[in-house]
Amino acid sequence: MTTSVVDNGVNVAALLGAREAFADAPEIARFQWRSSVSWAHGTHSTAPVDTFSGFGDEQRHSRTFAFDVDHPLQFAAEDNGITPVEYVLVALGGCLTAGIAAVAQQRGIQLRWVRADVSAEMDLHGILGADPEVRNGFSGVRVDYHIDADADRAEIEALVAQSQKRSAVYDIMTNPTAVTVTVS
């Protein structure tokens, strides 16, 4: 571990302050994340994301983020964006990597670079209805980290383990989550 000032770009004091505020007012810790996905054409959809609810009120991102969702040319689609399942992998890698930065900052470990290689196995017989015994989703997901930091291997492994323990997306992917689909 280094004795110099560590700056991984994470405001740990603010995160710890939020945790204390949540203890005093648990209702402000209840968030609702949302998106609205609109069909464009074929398998292409667009999804602007700009608001969420939390801290006891409606919140707005600093700007609207726009996502294109599609399938590749190899699926007879137009390849206007990444596939929905690739967004899941991006979300997992992004959540775990943000956690690594936050935990490293809190533990005084300077990161130089972090890369997560995230991959998933899927048999398309499931989603195509060709084999009812094959699930529609991933049969397995793998996250391989490459981390250069002022820390030994045990400390780096501990960063990854703590990030995994606190990751919302890791939890979503590894534990059943109730999903309700309705038509209005």
N, C-alpha and C. Protein backbone atom coordinates (compact mmCIF):
# COMPACT_ATOMS: atom_id res chain seq x y z
N MET A 1 0.84 -1.17 0.00
CA MET A 1 0.00 0.00 0.00
C MET A 1 0.89 1.24 0.00
N THR A 2 0.44 2.28 -0.66
CA THR A 2 1.21 3.50 -0.80
C THR A 2 0.94 4.46 0.36
N THR A 3 1.91 5.32 0.65
CA THR A 3 1.72 6.31 1.70
C THR A 3 1.36 7.67 1.13
N SER A 4 1.41 7.81 -0.19
CA SER A 4 1.04 9.08 -0.81
C SER A 4 -0.48 9.20 -0.88
N VAL A 5 -0.93 10.37 -1.28
CA VAL A 5 -2.36 10.60 -1.41
C VAL A 5 -2.91 9.75 -2.55
N VAL A 6 -3.98 9.04 -2.28
CA VAL A 6 -4.61 8.17 -3.27
C VAL A 6 -5.78 8.91 -3.89
N ASP A 7 -5.83 8.92 -5.23
CA ASP A 7 -6.95 9.55 -5.93
C ASP A 7 -7.39 8.66 -7.08
N ASN A 8 -8.44 7.88 -6.83
CA ASN A 8 -9.04 7.04 -7.86
C ASN A 8 -10.31 7.69 -8.41
N GLY A 9 -10.55 8.95 -8.04
CA GLY A 9 -11.70 9.68 -8.55
C GLY A 9 -13.01 9.34 -7.86
N VAL A 10 -12.95 8.74 -6.68
CA VAL A 10 -14.16 8.38 -5.95
C VAL A 10 -14.22 9.19 -4.66
N ASN A 11 -15.33 9.86 -4.43
CA ASN A 11 -15.52 10.66 -3.22
C ASN A 11 -16.09 9.75 -2.14
N VAL A 12 -15.19 9.07 -1.43
CA VAL A 12 -15.60 8.11 -0.40
C VAL A 12 -16.29 8.83 0.75
N ALA A 13 -15.84 10.03 1.07
CA ALA A 13 -16.47 10.78 2.17
C ALA A 13 -17.96 11.01 1.87
N ALA A 14 -18.28 11.34 0.63
CA ALA A 14 -19.68 11.55 0.25
C ALA A 14 -20.47 10.25 0.34
N LEU A 15 -19.86 9.14 -0.09
CA LEU A 15 -20.54 7.85 0.00
C LEU A 15 -20.81 7.46 1.46
N LEU A 16 -19.83 7.68 2.31
CA LEU A 16 -20.01 7.36 3.72
C LEU A 16 -21.02 8.30 4.36
N GLY A 17 -21.04 9.55 3.91
CA GLY A 17 -22.04 10.51 4.39
C GLY A 17 -23.44 10.09 4.00
N ALA A 18 -23.59 9.58 2.77
CA ALA A 18 -24.91 9.09 2.33
C ALA A 18 -25.33 7.91 3.19
N ARG A 19 -24.39 7.03 3.48
CA ARG A 19 -24.72 5.86 4.31
C ARG A 19 -25.22 6.31 5.69
N GLU A 20 -24.57 7.32 6.25
CA GLU A 20 -25.01 7.85 7.55
C GLU A 20 -26.39 8.50 7.44
N ALA A 21 -26.61 9.25 6.36
CA ALA A 21 -27.92 9.89 6.16
C ALA A 21 -29.01 8.84 6.01
N PHE A 22 -28.71 7.75 5.31
CA PHE A 22 -29.69 6.68 5.13
C PHE A 22 -30.05 6.04 6.47
N ALA A 23 -29.07 5.95 7.38
CA ALA A 23 -29.34 5.38 8.70
C ALA A 23 -30.32 6.26 9.47
N ASP A 24 -30.19 7.58 9.31
CA ASP A 24 -31.07 8.52 10.01
C ASP A 24 -32.44 8.65 9.35
N ALA A 25 -32.52 8.42 8.04
CA ALA A 25 -33.77 8.56 7.30
C ALA A 25 -33.84 7.45 6.25
N PRO A 26 -34.18 6.22 6.67
CA PRO A 26 -34.13 5.07 5.75
C PRO A 26 -34.99 5.23 4.50
N GLU A 27 -36.04 6.03 4.55
CA GLU A 27 -36.91 6.19 3.38
C GLU A 27 -36.18 6.85 2.21
N ILE A 28 -35.15 7.65 2.46
CA ILE A 28 -34.45 8.31 1.35
C ILE A 28 -33.51 7.35 0.62
N ALA A 29 -33.32 6.16 1.17
CA ALA A 29 -32.47 5.15 0.52
C ALA A 29 -33.25 4.32 -0.50
N ARG A 30 -34.55 4.53 -0.58
CA ARG A 30 -35.37 3.77 -1.54
C ARG A 30 -35.34 4.48 -2.89
N PHE A 31 -34.78 3.81 -3.86
CA PHE A 31 -34.62 4.37 -5.20
C PHE A 31 -35.48 3.61 -6.20
N GLN A 32 -35.83 4.29 -7.27
CA GLN A 32 -36.46 3.63 -8.41
C GLN A 32 -35.66 4.04 -9.65
N TRP A 33 -35.04 3.05 -10.27
CA TRP A 33 -34.31 3.27 -11.51
C TRP A 33 -35.26 2.94 -12.64
N ARG A 34 -35.16 3.65 -13.77
CA ARG A 34 -36.13 3.40 -14.84
C ARG A 34 -35.56 3.75 -16.20
N SER A 35 -36.17 3.15 -17.18
CA SER A 35 -35.89 3.51 -18.56
C SER A 35 -37.18 3.34 -19.34
N SER A 36 -37.25 3.95 -20.47
CA SER A 36 -38.39 3.81 -21.36
C SER A 36 -37.82 3.40 -22.72
N VAL A 37 -38.18 2.23 -23.17
CA VAL A 37 -37.62 1.68 -24.40
C VAL A 37 -38.68 1.74 -25.49
N SER A 38 -38.34 2.37 -26.60
CA SER A 38 -39.29 2.52 -27.71
C SER A 38 -38.77 1.79 -28.94
N TRP A 39 -39.65 1.02 -29.54
CA TRP A 39 -39.31 0.30 -30.77
C TRP A 39 -39.10 1.30 -31.89
N ALA A 40 -38.03 1.11 -32.65
CA ALA A 40 -37.74 1.98 -33.80
C ALA A 40 -38.13 1.28 -35.09
N HIS A 41 -37.51 0.11 -35.34
CA HIS A 41 -37.76 -0.63 -36.58
C HIS A 41 -37.08 -1.98 -36.47
N GLY A 42 -37.70 -3.01 -36.99
CA GLY A 42 -37.08 -4.33 -36.94
C GLY A 42 -36.81 -4.74 -35.50
N THR A 43 -35.57 -5.04 -35.19
CA THR A 43 -35.21 -5.39 -33.81
C THR A 43 -34.54 -4.22 -33.09
N HIS A 44 -34.57 -3.05 -33.70
CA HIS A 44 -33.93 -1.85 -33.15
C HIS A 44 -34.88 -1.10 -32.22
N SER A 45 -34.40 -0.78 -31.04
CA SER A 45 -35.13 0.05 -30.08
C SER A 45 -34.20 1.14 -29.57
N THR A 46 -34.79 2.22 -29.07
CA THR A 46 -34.01 3.29 -28.46
C THR A 46 -34.47 3.46 -27.02
N ALA A 47 -33.55 3.85 -26.17
CA ALA A 47 -33.86 3.97 -24.75
C ALA A 47 -33.17 5.19 -24.15
N PRO A 48 -33.89 6.32 -24.07
CA PRO A 48 -33.32 7.45 -23.35
C PRO A 48 -33.48 7.23 -21.84
N VAL A 49 -32.48 7.62 -21.08
CA VAL A 49 -32.53 7.51 -19.62
C VAL A 49 -32.15 8.88 -19.07
N ASP A 50 -33.07 9.47 -18.30
CA ASP A 50 -32.75 10.80 -17.76
C ASP A 50 -33.22 11.04 -16.34
N THR A 51 -34.18 10.29 -15.84
CA THR A 51 -34.66 10.54 -14.49
C THR A 51 -34.67 9.26 -13.66
N PHE A 52 -34.68 9.45 -12.37
CA PHE A 52 -34.82 8.37 -11.41
C PHE A 52 -35.37 8.98 -10.13
N SER A 53 -35.77 8.14 -9.21
CA SER A 53 -36.29 8.61 -7.94
C SER A 53 -35.35 8.14 -6.85
N GLY A 54 -35.04 9.02 -5.91
CA GLY A 54 -34.18 8.67 -4.79
C GLY A 54 -33.95 9.87 -3.90
N PHE A 55 -33.43 9.63 -2.73
CA PHE A 55 -33.21 10.69 -1.75
C PHE A 55 -34.52 11.40 -1.41
N GLY A 56 -35.65 10.66 -1.54
CA GLY A 56 -36.94 11.20 -1.18
C GLY A 56 -37.59 12.09 -2.22
N ASP A 57 -37.04 12.11 -3.45
CA ASP A 57 -37.59 13.01 -4.46
C ASP A 57 -37.22 12.52 -5.86
N GLU A 58 -37.82 13.14 -6.87
CA GLU A 58 -37.45 12.87 -8.25
C GLU A 58 -36.07 13.48 -8.52
N GLN A 59 -35.25 12.77 -9.27
CA GLN A 59 -33.89 13.22 -9.60
C GLN A 59 -33.72 13.20 -11.11
N ARG A 60 -32.76 13.96 -11.58
CA ARG A 60 -32.47 14.03 -13.01
C ARG A 60 -30.96 13.87 -13.18
N HIS A 61 -30.57 13.06 -14.16
CA HIS A 61 -29.15 12.97 -14.53
C HIS A 61 -28.70 14.32 -15.07
N SER A 62 -27.41 14.52 -15.19
CA SER A 62 -26.88 15.78 -15.72
C SER A 62 -27.26 15.99 -17.17
N ARG A 63 -27.59 14.90 -17.87
CA ARG A 63 -28.06 14.98 -19.25
C ARG A 63 -28.81 13.69 -19.56
N THR A 64 -29.51 13.66 -20.67
CA THR A 64 -30.19 12.44 -21.09
C THR A 64 -29.19 11.53 -21.78
N PHE A 65 -29.15 10.30 -21.35
CA PHE A 65 -28.28 9.31 -21.97
C PHE A 65 -29.14 8.49 -22.92
N ALA A 66 -28.66 8.26 -24.12
CA ALA A 66 -29.43 7.54 -25.13
C ALA A 66 -28.73 6.23 -25.47
N PHE A 67 -29.51 5.17 -25.51
CA PHE A 67 -28.99 3.85 -25.82
C PHE A 67 -29.72 3.27 -27.01
N ASP A 68 -28.98 2.68 -27.90
CA ASP A 68 -29.55 1.95 -29.02
C ASP A 68 -29.40 0.47 -28.73
N VAL A 69 -30.47 -0.27 -28.94
CA VAL A 69 -30.48 -1.71 -28.71
C VAL A 69 -30.90 -2.37 -30.02
N ASP A 70 -30.13 -3.35 -30.46
CA ASP A 70 -30.46 -4.04 -31.71
C ASP A 70 -29.79 -5.41 -31.69
N HIS A 71 -29.81 -6.04 -32.82
CA HIS A 71 -29.13 -7.32 -33.01
C HIS A 71 -28.21 -7.17 -34.20
N PRO A 72 -27.18 -7.99 -34.29
CA PRO A 72 -26.20 -7.85 -35.36
C PRO A 72 -26.71 -8.29 -36.73
N LEU A 73 -25.97 -7.90 -37.74
CA LEU A 73 -26.31 -8.27 -39.12
C LEU A 73 -26.44 -9.79 -39.27
N GLN A 74 -25.64 -10.54 -38.53
CA GLN A 74 -25.65 -12.00 -38.60
C GLN A 74 -26.99 -12.58 -38.16
N PHE A 75 -27.82 -11.78 -37.47
CA PHE A 75 -29.16 -12.22 -37.06
C PHE A 75 -30.23 -11.63 -37.97
N ALA A 76 -29.84 -11.21 -39.18
CA ALA A 76 -30.75 -10.58 -40.14
C ALA A 76 -31.35 -9.31 -39.56
N ALA A 77 -30.57 -8.60 -38.77
CA ALA A 77 -31.00 -7.33 -38.18
C ALA A 77 -30.12 -6.21 -38.75
N GLU A 78 -30.26 -5.01 -38.21
CA GLU A 78 -29.56 -3.86 -38.78
C GLU A 78 -28.33 -3.41 -38.00
N ASP A 79 -28.06 -4.01 -36.84
CA ASP A 79 -26.87 -3.71 -36.05
C ASP A 79 -26.76 -2.23 -35.68
N ASN A 80 -27.87 -1.66 -35.22
CA ASN A 80 -27.90 -0.26 -34.81
C ASN A 80 -27.46 -0.03 -33.37
N GLY A 81 -27.14 -1.09 -32.67
CA GLY A 81 -26.71 -0.98 -31.27
C GLY A 81 -26.32 -2.35 -30.77
N ILE A 82 -25.83 -2.38 -29.54
CA ILE A 82 -25.47 -3.67 -28.97
C ILE A 82 -26.73 -4.43 -28.58
N THR A 83 -26.59 -5.73 -28.39
CA THR A 83 -27.74 -6.56 -28.06
C THR A 83 -28.14 -6.35 -26.59
N PRO A 84 -29.38 -6.67 -26.24
CA PRO A 84 -29.79 -6.56 -24.84
C PRO A 84 -28.87 -7.35 -23.90
N VAL A 85 -28.46 -8.55 -24.31
CA VAL A 85 -27.60 -9.34 -23.42
C VAL A 85 -26.22 -8.71 -23.25
N GLU A 86 -25.74 -8.00 -24.27
CA GLU A 86 -24.46 -7.30 -24.13
C GLU A 86 -24.59 -6.15 -23.13
N TYR A 87 -25.75 -5.47 -23.09
CA TYR A 87 -25.97 -4.45 -22.08
C TYR A 87 -25.89 -5.04 -20.67
N VAL A 88 -26.38 -6.25 -20.50
CA VAL A 88 -26.30 -6.91 -19.20
C VAL A 88 -24.83 -7.10 -18.81
N LEU A 89 -24.00 -7.53 -19.77
CA LEU A 89 -22.58 -7.72 -19.48
C LEU A 89 -21.89 -6.40 -19.18
N VAL A 90 -22.24 -5.35 -19.94
CA VAL A 90 -21.69 -4.02 -19.68
C VAL A 90 -22.09 -3.56 -18.28
N ALA A 91 -23.35 -3.78 -17.91
CA ALA A 91 -23.82 -3.37 -16.59
C ALA A 91 -23.06 -4.10 -15.48
N LEU A 92 -22.86 -5.39 -15.64
CA LEU A 92 -22.13 -6.16 -14.63
C LEU A 92 -20.70 -5.66 -14.50
N GLY A 93 -20.00 -5.55 -15.63
CA GLY A 93 -18.62 -5.08 -15.58
C GLY A 93 -18.51 -3.67 -15.04
N GLY A 94 -19.45 -2.81 -15.43
CA GLY A 94 -19.43 -1.42 -14.96
C GLY A 94 -19.67 -1.31 -13.47
N CYS A 95 -20.62 -2.08 -12.96
CA CYS A 95 -20.93 -2.04 -11.54
C CYS A 95 -19.77 -2.58 -10.70
N LEU A 96 -19.23 -3.72 -11.11
CA LEU A 96 -18.11 -4.29 -10.37
C LEU A 96 -16.88 -3.39 -10.42
N THR A 97 -16.61 -2.78 -11.57
CA THR A 97 -15.43 -1.92 -11.71
C THR A 97 -15.58 -0.64 -10.88
N ALA A 98 -16.79 -0.06 -10.86
CA ALA A 98 -17.02 1.11 -10.01
C ALA A 98 -16.78 0.74 -8.55
N GLY A 99 -17.22 -0.43 -8.16
CA GLY A 99 -17.00 -0.89 -6.79
C GLY A 99 -15.52 -1.04 -6.47
N ILE A 100 -14.76 -1.57 -7.41
CA ILE A 100 -13.32 -1.71 -7.19
C ILE A 100 -12.69 -0.35 -6.94
N ALA A 101 -13.06 0.64 -7.74
CA ALA A 101 -12.51 1.99 -7.56
C ALA A 101 -12.89 2.56 -6.20
N ALA A 102 -14.13 2.38 -5.79
CA ALA A 102 -14.58 2.91 -4.50
C ALA A 102 -13.88 2.21 -3.33
N VAL A 103 -13.81 0.89 -3.39
CA VAL A 103 -13.18 0.14 -2.31
C VAL A 103 -11.68 0.47 -2.25
N ALA A 104 -11.03 0.56 -3.40
CA ALA A 104 -9.61 0.91 -3.43
C ALA A 104 -9.38 2.29 -2.82
N GLN A 105 -10.25 3.24 -3.17
CA GLN A 105 -10.11 4.59 -2.61
C GLN A 105 -10.24 4.54 -1.09
N GLN A 106 -11.25 3.82 -0.60
CA GLN A 106 -11.46 3.74 0.84
C GLN A 106 -10.30 3.05 1.55
N ARG A 107 -9.68 2.09 0.89
CA ARG A 107 -8.58 1.34 1.51
C ARG A 107 -7.21 1.98 1.25
N GLY A 108 -7.19 3.11 0.55
CA GLY A 108 -5.93 3.80 0.30
C GLY A 108 -5.05 3.12 -0.73
N ILE A 109 -5.67 2.46 -1.70
CA ILE A 109 -4.93 1.76 -2.76
C ILE A 109 -5.06 2.55 -4.05
N GLN A 110 -3.94 2.98 -4.59
CA GLN A 110 -3.95 3.73 -5.85
C GLN A 110 -4.06 2.75 -7.02
N LEU A 111 -5.06 2.96 -7.85
CA LEU A 111 -5.22 2.18 -9.07
C LEU A 111 -4.50 2.90 -10.21
N ARG A 112 -3.84 2.14 -11.08
CA ARG A 112 -3.28 2.71 -12.30
C ARG A 112 -4.18 2.40 -13.48
N TRP A 113 -4.66 1.17 -13.56
CA TRP A 113 -5.66 0.79 -14.56
C TRP A 113 -6.39 -0.46 -14.13
N VAL A 114 -7.62 -0.55 -14.60
CA VAL A 114 -8.48 -1.69 -14.31
C VAL A 114 -9.25 -2.01 -15.59
N ARG A 115 -9.26 -3.28 -15.95
CA ARG A 115 -10.06 -3.72 -17.10
C ARG A 115 -10.77 -5.01 -16.72
N ALA A 116 -12.06 -5.05 -17.00
CA ALA A 116 -12.84 -6.26 -16.80
C ALA A 116 -13.19 -6.84 -18.16
N ASP A 117 -12.80 -8.06 -18.41
CA ASP A 117 -13.22 -8.78 -19.61
C ASP A 117 -14.41 -9.64 -19.18
N VAL A 118 -15.59 -9.31 -19.69
CA VAL A 118 -16.82 -9.98 -19.28
C VAL A 118 -17.36 -10.77 -20.47
N SER A 119 -17.64 -12.04 -20.25
CA SER A 119 -18.17 -12.88 -21.33
C SER A 119 -19.26 -13.79 -20.77
N ALA A 120 -20.12 -14.23 -21.66
CA ALA A 120 -21.21 -15.12 -21.25
C ALA A 120 -21.45 -16.15 -22.35
N GLU A 121 -21.83 -17.32 -21.93
CA GLU A 121 -22.16 -18.41 -22.84
C GLU A 121 -23.66 -18.48 -23.01
N MET A 122 -24.12 -18.68 -24.26
CA MET A 122 -25.55 -18.77 -24.53
C MET A 122 -25.77 -19.70 -25.72
N ASP A 123 -26.76 -20.57 -25.61
CA ASP A 123 -27.14 -21.44 -26.71
C ASP A 123 -28.43 -20.87 -27.31
N LEU A 124 -28.39 -20.42 -28.56
CA LEU A 124 -29.53 -19.77 -29.18
C LEU A 124 -30.70 -20.70 -29.48
N HIS A 125 -30.50 -22.01 -29.31
CA HIS A 125 -31.63 -22.93 -29.48
C HIS A 125 -32.78 -22.55 -28.54
N GLY A 126 -32.46 -21.99 -27.38
CA GLY A 126 -33.48 -21.61 -26.41
C GLY A 126 -34.35 -20.46 -26.90
N ILE A 127 -33.73 -19.32 -27.24
CA ILE A 127 -34.54 -18.16 -27.63
C ILE A 127 -35.21 -18.35 -28.98
N LEU A 128 -34.69 -19.23 -29.80
CA LEU A 128 -35.32 -19.50 -31.09
C LEU A 128 -36.43 -20.55 -31.00
N GLY A 129 -36.61 -21.11 -29.81
CA GLY A 129 -37.64 -22.12 -29.63
C GLY A 129 -37.32 -23.46 -30.27
N ALA A 130 -36.07 -23.69 -30.62
CA ALA A 130 -35.68 -24.93 -31.29
C ALA A 130 -35.51 -26.09 -30.32
N ASP A 131 -35.26 -25.79 -29.05
CA ASP A 131 -35.07 -26.85 -28.06
C ASP A 131 -35.63 -26.35 -26.72
N PRO A 132 -36.76 -26.89 -26.29
CA PRO A 132 -37.37 -26.41 -25.05
C PRO A 132 -36.55 -26.73 -23.79
N GLU A 133 -35.55 -27.57 -23.92
CA GLU A 133 -34.71 -27.92 -22.78
C GLU A 133 -33.57 -26.90 -22.57
N VAL A 134 -33.36 -26.03 -23.54
CA VAL A 134 -32.27 -25.05 -23.45
C VAL A 134 -32.84 -23.74 -22.92
N ARG A 135 -32.24 -23.20 -21.88
CA ARG A 135 -32.74 -21.94 -21.32
C ARG A 135 -32.49 -20.80 -22.29
N ASN A 136 -33.28 -19.75 -22.17
CA ASN A 136 -33.16 -18.59 -23.05
C ASN A 136 -31.97 -17.71 -22.71
N GLY A 137 -31.56 -17.73 -21.48
CA GLY A 137 -30.51 -16.83 -21.02
C GLY A 137 -29.13 -17.46 -21.00
N PHE A 138 -28.25 -16.80 -20.27
CA PHE A 138 -26.87 -17.26 -20.16
C PHE A 138 -26.79 -18.59 -19.43
N SER A 139 -25.87 -19.44 -19.87
CA SER A 139 -25.58 -20.65 -19.11
C SER A 139 -24.42 -20.43 -18.16
N GLY A 140 -23.70 -19.34 -18.35
CA GLY A 140 -22.60 -18.98 -17.47
C GLY A 140 -22.03 -17.63 -17.85
N VAL A 141 -21.52 -16.92 -16.87
CA VAL A 141 -20.90 -15.61 -17.07
C VAL A 141 -19.54 -15.64 -16.42
N ARG A 142 -18.58 -15.01 -17.07
CA ARG A 142 -17.22 -14.95 -16.54
C ARG A 142 -16.73 -13.51 -16.56
N VAL A 143 -16.12 -13.09 -15.45
CA VAL A 143 -15.51 -11.77 -15.36
C VAL A 143 -14.04 -11.99 -15.01
N ASP A 144 -13.17 -11.57 -15.90
CA ASP A 144 -11.72 -11.67 -15.68
C ASP A 144 -11.17 -10.26 -15.51
N TYR A 145 -10.60 -9.98 -14.34
CA TYR A 145 -10.03 -8.67 -14.07
C TYR A 145 -8.54 -8.63 -14.33
N HIS A 146 -8.12 -7.50 -14.87
CA HIS A 146 -6.71 -7.18 -15.05
C HIS A 146 -6.54 -5.84 -14.35
N ILE A 147 -5.77 -5.85 -13.25
CA ILE A 147 -5.66 -4.67 -12.39
C ILE A 147 -4.20 -4.38 -12.12
N ASP A 148 -3.83 -3.11 -12.33
CA ASP A 148 -2.50 -2.64 -11.96
C ASP A 148 -2.71 -1.60 -10.87
N ALA A 149 -2.20 -1.89 -9.68
CA ALA A 149 -2.43 -1.02 -8.54
C ALA A 149 -1.24 -1.11 -7.59
N ASP A 150 -1.17 -0.15 -6.70
CA ASP A 150 -0.16 -0.17 -5.65
C ASP A 150 -0.63 -1.10 -4.54
N ALA A 151 -0.70 -2.39 -4.87
CA ALA A 151 -1.19 -3.39 -3.92
C ALA A 151 -0.68 -4.75 -4.35
N ASP A 152 -0.59 -5.66 -3.38
CA ASP A 152 -0.18 -7.02 -3.73
C ASP A 152 -1.41 -7.81 -4.20
N ARG A 153 -1.17 -9.01 -4.67
CA ARG A 153 -2.25 -9.83 -5.24
C ARG A 153 -3.37 -10.07 -4.23
N ALA A 154 -3.04 -10.34 -2.98
CA ALA A 154 -4.07 -10.59 -1.97
C ALA A 154 -4.95 -9.36 -1.77
N GLU A 155 -4.35 -8.17 -1.78
CA GLU A 155 -5.13 -6.94 -1.62
C GLU A 155 -6.03 -6.70 -2.84
N ILE A 156 -5.51 -6.99 -4.02
CA ILE A 156 -6.31 -6.83 -5.24
C ILE A 156 -7.47 -7.83 -5.24
N GLU A 157 -7.21 -9.07 -4.86
CA GLU A 157 -8.29 -10.06 -4.79
C GLU A 157 -9.34 -9.64 -3.76
N ALA A 158 -8.91 -9.01 -2.66
CA ALA A 158 -9.85 -8.53 -1.65
C ALA A 158 -10.69 -7.38 -2.20
N LEU A 159 -10.09 -6.50 -3.03
CA LEU A 159 -10.86 -5.43 -3.68
C LEU A 159 -11.97 -6.01 -4.54
N VAL A 160 -11.61 -6.99 -5.35
CA VAL A 160 -12.58 -7.62 -6.25
C VAL A 160 -13.67 -8.32 -5.44
N ALA A 161 -13.30 -9.02 -4.39
CA ALA A 161 -14.28 -9.74 -3.56
C ALA A 161 -15.25 -8.76 -2.89
N GLN A 162 -14.74 -7.65 -2.37
CA GLN A 162 -15.62 -6.67 -1.72
C GLN A 162 -16.54 -6.00 -2.74
N SER A 163 -16.01 -5.71 -3.92
CA SER A 163 -16.83 -5.13 -4.98
C SER A 163 -17.95 -6.09 -5.36
N GLN A 164 -17.63 -7.34 -5.50
CA GLN A 164 -18.62 -8.36 -5.84
C GLN A 164 -19.68 -8.45 -4.73
N LYS A 165 -19.26 -8.37 -3.49
CA LYS A 165 -20.18 -8.46 -2.36
C LYS A 165 -21.18 -7.30 -2.34
N ARG A 166 -20.77 -6.12 -2.80
CA ARG A 166 -21.61 -4.92 -2.74
C ARG A 166 -22.26 -4.55 -4.07
N SER A 167 -22.00 -5.28 -5.14
CA SER A 167 -22.50 -4.93 -6.46
C SER A 167 -23.99 -5.23 -6.61
N ALA A 168 -24.75 -4.20 -6.97
CA ALA A 168 -26.19 -4.39 -7.22
C ALA A 168 -26.41 -5.29 -8.44
N VAL A 169 -25.65 -5.09 -9.50
CA VAL A 169 -25.86 -5.88 -10.72
C VAL A 169 -25.44 -7.33 -10.50
N TYR A 170 -24.37 -7.56 -9.79
CA TYR A 170 -23.98 -8.94 -9.46
C TYR A 170 -25.11 -9.61 -8.68
N ASP A 171 -25.69 -8.90 -7.72
CA ASP A 171 -26.80 -9.43 -6.94
C ASP A 171 -28.00 -9.74 -7.84
N ILE A 172 -28.34 -8.82 -8.73
CA ILE A 172 -29.47 -9.01 -9.65
C ILE A 172 -29.26 -10.27 -10.49
N MET A 173 -28.03 -10.48 -10.94
CA MET A 173 -27.75 -11.61 -11.83
C MET A 173 -27.63 -12.95 -11.10
N THR A 174 -27.33 -12.92 -9.81
CA THR A 174 -27.09 -14.18 -9.10
C THR A 174 -28.19 -14.57 -8.13
N ASN A 175 -29.19 -13.71 -7.96
CA ASN A 175 -30.31 -14.00 -7.07
C ASN A 175 -31.62 -13.77 -7.82
N PRO A 176 -32.63 -14.58 -7.53
CA PRO A 176 -33.92 -14.37 -8.21
C PRO A 176 -34.46 -12.97 -7.92
N THR A 177 -34.99 -12.33 -8.94
CA THR A 177 -35.60 -11.02 -8.82
C THR A 177 -37.00 -11.10 -9.43
N ALA A 178 -37.98 -10.66 -8.68
CA ALA A 178 -39.36 -10.67 -9.19
C ALA A 178 -39.47 -9.66 -10.32
N VAL A 179 -40.01 -10.09 -11.45
CA VAL A 179 -40.24 -9.23 -12.60
C VAL A 179 -41.71 -9.35 -12.98
N THR A 180 -42.39 -8.22 -13.07
CA THR A 180 -43.79 -8.19 -13.46
C THR A 180 -43.90 -7.52 -14.83
N VAL A 181 -44.57 -8.17 -15.76
CA VAL A 181 -44.78 -7.62 -17.09
C VAL A 181 -46.27 -7.45 -17.28
N THR A 182 -46.70 -6.21 -17.65
CA THR A 182 -48.12 -5.94 -17.86
C THR A 182 -48.30 -5.26 -19.22
N VAL A 183 -49.53 -5.20 -19.66
CA VAL A 183 -49.89 -4.49 -20.88
C VAL A 183 -50.93 -3.45 -20.49
N SER A 184 -50.70 -2.19 -20.84
CA SER A 184 -51.65 -1.13 -20.51
C SER A 184 -52.52 -0.81 -21.70
